[in-house]
Amino acid sequence: MSPLESVSDTARWVAMYRAIESERPDARFRDPFARRLAGTRGEEIARTLPGFRSGLWPMVARTCAFDEILLRTIARDGADTVVNLAAGLDTRPWRMALPPTLRWFDVDLPGILGYKVGGLREERPACAYEAVSADLTTPAERRDVFSRIGAVAGRALVVAEGLLVYLSDEEVGDLAEDLRAVPAFRWWLLDLIAPRLKKMLDKRWGSSLGAARAPLRFAPAESTRFFERFGWREVEYRSTLEEAIRLGRGPWNAWIWRLLGRFASPEKRAELKRLGGFALLERLG
């Protein structure tokens, strides 16, 4: 039997990574709720998923990069609303020092969202928090949610952490167009991988993710240029590997990748940088 039984298990999987990092004495972030929410199911996944530990450093890098970009967009650029798509077991409204005036909307399927809200019912979020149950793969339902949030938001940052990779190119394009249709949605923070990295991840976790009906799908060869035809452009990009090294969380073989980059052509270095990373987009026009 696969250690992953449903798409909701991926949320518990990632929560375990946040728990492991949080419990280090030199943790780069603290999520005191991660192990609670991961639960015994998350601990079972950590014990039985092949190659579980190899996914720790990218998730630490992603969490830190998203934290930093999110806080900066609020403080410097004046984002007054965060729309967290497929929020899963993310606990930023509870664990981060956010302005009390900030409005935060978690959007996800009712099962995983209800589980999280129930698990945190005794905790107080730092900002104005609202959980919105919705199936983001249903266009009419998605557009209705976006319209309702857009009507009360001023300058919104949309967050899609660990979501797009599970969608098809067409589904990502449709999502991009629906987000672009809401004037209040000014920025979009996301992560993405290149085809070469997708092949590597498919070898490691493809069968487990397939059993959970969550195969990896979106890996655009053109990186963030994919989004330009839908009205979004890149304003910042961070490489997963470079971020992990900066944070002191690089993989054991990071020196090999750095050596390859040192002697590679400029084109090859750019390709290596774009294997996997995090991007902040802004709406065009």
Protein backbone atom coordinates (compact mmCIF):
# COMPACT_ATOMS: atom_id res chain seq x y z
CA MET A 1 0.00 0.00 0.00
CA SER A 2 1.21 3.51 -0.82
CA PRO A 3 2.02 5.74 2.20
CA LEU A 4 -0.07 8.46 0.51
CA GLU A 5 -3.75 7.63 0.22
CA SER A 6 -5.29 10.96 -0.83
CA VAL A 7 -4.35 14.48 -1.87
CA SER A 8 -4.96 15.58 1.74
CA ASP A 9 -2.04 13.39 2.79
CA THR A 10 0.30 15.72 0.90
CA ALA A 11 -0.68 18.47 3.37
CA ARG A 12 0.25 16.24 6.31
CA TRP A 13 3.49 15.30 4.53
CA VAL A 14 4.51 18.96 4.20
CA ALA A 15 3.39 19.73 7.77
CA MET A 16 5.84 17.10 8.99
CA TYR A 17 8.66 18.93 7.24
CA ARG A 18 7.67 22.14 9.00
CA ALA A 19 7.54 20.28 12.31
CA ILE A 20 11.01 18.79 11.85
CA GLU A 21 12.56 22.17 11.02
CA SER A 22 10.70 23.92 13.85
CA GLU A 23 12.09 21.49 16.40
CA ARG A 24 15.71 22.21 15.50
CA PRO A 25 17.58 24.46 17.95
CA ASP A 26 18.67 26.60 14.99
CA ALA A 27 15.30 26.52 13.20
CA ARG A 28 14.86 29.01 10.36
CA PHE A 29 11.19 29.36 11.28
CA ARG A 30 8.94 28.17 14.09
CA ASP A 31 5.62 26.48 13.43
CA PRO A 32 4.42 25.29 16.86
CA PHE A 33 1.27 23.80 15.33
CA ALA A 34 2.82 21.72 12.56
CA ARG A 35 3.25 18.43 14.41
CA ARG A 36 -0.18 18.72 15.99
CA LEU A 37 -1.81 19.12 12.59
CA ALA A 38 0.34 16.50 10.86
CA GLY A 39 -0.89 14.07 13.50
CA THR A 40 -0.20 10.36 13.60
CA ARG A 41 -0.94 10.13 9.89
CA GLY A 42 1.83 12.61 9.14
CA GLU A 43 4.25 10.71 11.35
CA GLU A 44 3.36 7.49 9.54
CA ILE A 45 4.07 9.16 6.18
CA ALA A 46 7.44 10.33 7.49
CA ARG A 47 8.32 6.76 8.49
CA THR A 48 7.12 4.98 5.37
CA LEU A 49 7.43 7.32 2.37
CA PRO A 50 10.52 6.40 0.34
CA GLY A 51 12.97 9.28 0.23
CA PHE A 52 11.02 11.34 2.76
CA ARG A 53 14.11 13.11 4.15
CA SER A 54 15.25 14.22 0.71
CA GLY A 55 12.25 16.55 0.52
CA LEU A 56 13.07 18.40 3.73
CA TRP A 57 15.56 20.98 2.45
CA PRO A 58 13.39 22.19 -0.47
CA MET A 59 10.39 22.64 1.85
CA VAL A 60 12.43 24.60 4.37
CA ALA A 61 13.70 26.83 1.56
CA ARG A 62 10.17 27.30 0.21
CA THR A 63 8.66 28.12 3.59
CA CYS A 64 11.34 30.70 4.36
CA ALA A 65 11.19 32.32 0.93
CA PHE A 66 7.40 32.56 1.03
CA ASP A 67 7.52 33.99 4.56
CA GLU A 68 10.02 36.67 3.55
CA ILE A 69 8.31 37.69 0.32
CA LEU A 70 4.89 37.74 1.96
CA LEU A 71 5.99 39.97 4.84
CA ARG A 72 7.81 42.32 2.49
CA THR A 73 4.83 42.63 0.15
CA ILE A 74 2.66 43.56 3.11
CA ALA A 75 5.12 46.00 4.71
CA ARG A 76 6.65 47.63 1.62
CA ASP A 77 4.00 47.33 -1.07
CA GLY A 78 0.90 47.73 1.04
CA ALA A 79 -0.84 44.39 0.50
CA ASP A 80 -3.91 44.44 2.75
CA THR A 81 -5.29 41.01 1.87
CA VAL A 82 -3.79 37.54 1.43
CA VAL A 83 -5.65 34.87 -0.55
CA ASN A 84 -4.06 31.49 0.20
CA LEU A 85 -5.14 28.97 -2.45
CA ALA A 86 -5.16 25.27 -1.50
CA ALA A 87 -4.06 26.42 1.95
CA GLY A 88 -3.80 22.92 3.39
CA LEU A 89 -2.31 22.91 6.88
CA ASP A 90 -0.44 26.20 6.52
CA THR A 91 -0.55 28.16 9.80
CA ARG A 92 0.94 31.53 8.85
CA PRO A 93 -2.02 33.54 10.25
CA TRP A 94 -1.27 31.99 13.66
CA ARG A 95 2.52 31.67 13.65
CA MET A 96 3.63 34.92 11.99
CA ALA A 97 3.69 38.52 13.22
CA LEU A 98 1.09 39.89 10.80
CA PRO A 99 -0.70 43.24 11.02
CA PRO A 100 -4.06 42.91 12.80
CA THR A 101 -5.63 44.91 9.96
CA LEU A 102 -4.58 42.32 7.37
CA ARG A 103 -7.37 40.16 5.94
CA TRP A 104 -6.39 36.54 5.32
CA PHE A 105 -8.50 34.08 3.35
CA ASP A 106 -7.63 30.39 3.34
CA VAL A 107 -9.29 28.63 0.40
CA ASP A 108 -9.37 24.84 0.21
CA LEU A 109 -11.56 21.75 0.20
CA PRO A 110 -13.90 21.56 3.21
CA GLY A 111 -12.37 18.39 4.65
CA ILE A 112 -8.78 19.56 5.12
CA LEU A 113 -9.83 23.14 5.92
CA GLY A 114 -12.30 22.00 8.58
CA TYR A 115 -9.68 19.71 10.08
CA LYS A 116 -7.19 22.59 10.39
CA VAL A 117 -9.65 25.11 11.79
CA GLY A 118 -10.84 22.52 14.29
CA GLY A 119 -7.30 21.74 15.36
CA LEU A 120 -6.57 25.44 15.94
CA ARG A 121 -9.89 26.43 17.51
CA GLU A 122 -8.22 27.36 20.80
CA GLU A 123 -5.61 29.53 19.06
CA ARG A 124 -5.98 33.18 18.05
CA PRO A 125 -4.79 34.30 14.60
CA ALA A 126 -2.74 37.49 14.39
CA CYS A 127 -4.93 38.98 11.65
CA ALA A 128 -8.53 38.89 10.45
CA TYR A 129 -8.88 35.29 9.31
CA GLU A 130 -11.56 33.57 7.24
CA ALA A 131 -11.69 29.98 6.00
CA VAL A 132 -13.42 29.60 2.63
CA SER A 133 -14.42 26.10 1.55
CA ALA A 134 -14.22 25.68 -2.21
CA ASP A 135 -13.10 23.30 -4.92
CA LEU A 136 -10.61 25.36 -6.91
CA THR A 137 -10.82 22.93 -9.83
CA THR A 138 -14.48 23.85 -10.40
CA PRO A 139 -14.43 27.06 -12.50
CA ALA A 140 -17.79 28.48 -11.45
CA GLU A 141 -17.11 27.87 -7.76
CA ARG A 142 -13.62 29.33 -8.04
CA ARG A 143 -14.77 32.47 -9.83
CA ASP A 144 -17.51 33.05 -7.28
CA VAL A 145 -14.99 32.86 -4.43
CA PHE A 146 -12.57 35.18 -6.22
CA SER A 147 -15.34 37.69 -6.91
CA ARG A 148 -16.50 37.74 -3.30
CA ILE A 149 -12.99 38.20 -1.93
CA GLY A 150 -12.12 40.77 -4.58
CA ALA A 151 -15.12 42.86 -3.59
CA VAL A 152 -13.71 43.44 -0.09
CA ALA A 153 -9.97 43.48 -0.87
CA GLY A 154 -7.92 46.56 -1.69
CA ARG A 155 -4.49 45.27 -2.70
CA ALA A 156 -4.37 41.49 -2.51
CA LEU A 157 -1.50 39.03 -2.63
CA VAL A 158 -2.51 35.60 -3.92
CA VAL A 159 -0.46 32.67 -2.59
CA ALA A 160 -0.30 29.32 -4.38
CA GLU A 161 2.20 27.22 -2.43
CA GLY A 162 2.51 23.62 -3.58
CA LEU A 163 -0.59 23.85 -5.77
CA LEU A 164 0.23 24.44 -9.42
CA VAL A 165 2.44 21.37 -9.82
CA TYR A 166 -0.67 19.17 -9.45
CA LEU A 167 -2.60 20.96 -12.23
CA SER A 168 -2.44 20.65 -16.00
CA ASP A 169 -1.12 23.48 -18.17
CA GLU A 170 -4.70 24.28 -19.21
CA GLU A 171 -5.92 24.36 -15.62
CA VAL A 172 -3.08 26.67 -14.58
CA GLY A 173 -3.86 28.96 -17.51
CA ASP A 174 -7.55 29.07 -16.58
CA LEU A 175 -6.64 29.84 -12.96
CA ALA A 176 -4.30 32.62 -14.08
CA GLU A 177 -7.03 34.19 -16.20
CA ASP A 178 -9.57 34.01 -13.37
CA LEU A 179 -7.14 35.67 -10.97
CA ARG A 180 -6.29 38.35 -13.53
CA ALA A 181 -10.01 39.13 -13.90
CA VAL A 182 -10.15 40.43 -10.30
CA PRO A 183 -8.68 43.98 -10.16
CA ALA A 184 -7.82 43.73 -6.47
CA PHE A 185 -5.51 40.75 -7.05
CA ARG A 186 -2.21 42.61 -7.55
CA TRP A 187 0.45 39.98 -6.85
CA TRP A 188 0.77 36.22 -7.12
CA LEU A 189 3.36 34.21 -5.15
CA LEU A 190 3.94 30.67 -6.40
CA ASP A 191 6.44 27.84 -6.78
CA LEU A 192 7.22 25.87 -9.93
CA ILE A 193 9.56 23.25 -11.33
CA ALA A 194 11.16 22.60 -14.71
CA PRO A 195 10.59 19.45 -16.80
CA ARG A 196 14.01 18.06 -15.85
CA LEU A 197 13.24 18.29 -12.13
CA LYS A 198 9.79 16.80 -12.68
CA LYS A 199 11.40 13.70 -14.18
CA MET A 200 13.64 13.37 -11.13
CA LEU A 201 10.72 13.76 -8.72
CA ASP A 202 8.58 11.33 -10.69
CA LYS A 203 11.24 8.67 -10.20
CA ARG A 204 11.33 9.32 -6.46
CA TRP A 205 7.67 9.86 -5.59
CA GLY A 206 5.68 9.27 -8.78
CA SER A 207 4.10 5.98 -7.71
CA SER A 208 3.16 7.31 -4.25
CA LEU A 209 1.63 10.50 -5.64
CA GLY A 210 -0.16 8.54 -8.34
CA ALA A 211 -1.74 6.33 -5.67
CA ALA A 212 -2.94 9.49 -3.93
CA ARG A 213 -4.44 10.69 -7.24
CA ALA A 214 -2.06 13.66 -7.15
CA PRO A 215 0.53 13.13 -9.90
CA LEU A 216 2.96 15.90 -10.72
CA ARG A 217 1.82 17.67 -13.89
CA PHE A 218 2.72 21.35 -14.30
CA ALA A 219 6.37 21.92 -15.20
CA PRO A 220 6.59 24.65 -17.85
CA ALA A 221 9.76 24.66 -19.95
CA GLU A 222 9.45 28.46 -20.29
CA SER A 223 9.32 28.95 -16.49
CA THR A 224 7.43 32.10 -15.46
CA ARG A 225 7.11 33.30 -19.06
CA PHE A 226 4.22 30.84 -19.20
CA PHE A 227 2.13 33.36 -17.25
CA GLU A 228 2.76 36.40 -19.43
CA ARG A 229 0.05 35.53 -21.96
CA PHE A 230 -2.43 35.43 -19.08
CA GLY A 231 -1.58 38.91 -17.82
CA TRP A 232 1.13 38.20 -15.21
CA ARG A 233 4.86 38.96 -15.21
CA GLU A 234 7.71 37.97 -12.96
CA VAL A 235 9.11 40.59 -10.57
CA GLU A 236 11.24 38.26 -8.44
CA TYR A 237 12.56 34.72 -8.73
CA ARG A 238 14.50 32.67 -6.19
CA SER A 239 16.15 29.33 -6.87
CA THR A 240 15.24 26.57 -4.41
CA LEU A 241 18.83 25.35 -4.23
CA GLU A 242 20.31 28.82 -3.81
CA GLU A 243 17.82 29.64 -1.07
CA ALA A 244 18.57 26.39 0.76
CA ILE A 245 22.32 27.08 0.63
CA ARG A 246 21.76 30.65 1.85
CA LEU A 247 19.81 29.29 4.81
CA GLY A 248 22.35 26.60 5.62
CA ARG A 249 19.96 23.87 4.56
CA GLY A 250 21.44 22.78 1.24
CA PRO A 251 21.48 19.07 0.31
CA TRP A 252 24.59 16.97 0.85
CA ASN A 253 25.45 17.18 -2.85
CA ALA A 254 25.01 20.94 -3.13
CA TRP A 255 28.72 21.28 -3.87
CA ILE A 256 28.27 19.27 -7.06
CA TRP A 257 25.56 21.61 -8.32
CA ARG A 258 27.63 24.65 -7.41
CA LEU A 259 30.63 23.19 -9.24
CA LEU A 260 28.49 22.52 -12.31
CA GLY A 261 27.24 26.07 -12.21
CA ARG A 262 30.72 27.53 -11.88
CA PHE A 263 31.99 25.92 -15.07
CA ALA A 264 28.75 26.00 -17.05
CA SER A 265 27.88 28.47 -19.78
CA PRO A 266 25.61 31.40 -18.89
CA GLU A 267 22.74 29.59 -20.60
CA LYS A 268 23.36 26.42 -18.60
CA ARG A 269 23.62 28.36 -15.33
CA ALA A 270 20.27 29.98 -16.08
CA GLU A 271 18.78 26.54 -16.74
CA LEU A 272 20.12 25.17 -13.45
CA LYS A 273 18.76 28.17 -11.56
CA ARG A 274 15.32 27.52 -13.04
CA LEU A 275 15.14 23.82 -12.15
CA GLY A 276 12.93 24.72 -9.23
CA GLY A 277 12.11 27.93 -7.46
CA PHE A 278 9.71 30.53 -6.16
CA ALA A 279 8.37 33.50 -8.07
CA LEU A 280 6.49 36.67 -7.27
CA LEU A 281 4.35 37.81 -10.19
CA GLU A 282 2.46 41.06 -10.65
CA ARG A 283 -0.54 41.73 -12.84
CA LEU A 284 0.06 43.49 -16.14
CA GLY A 285 -1.88 46.68 -16.63
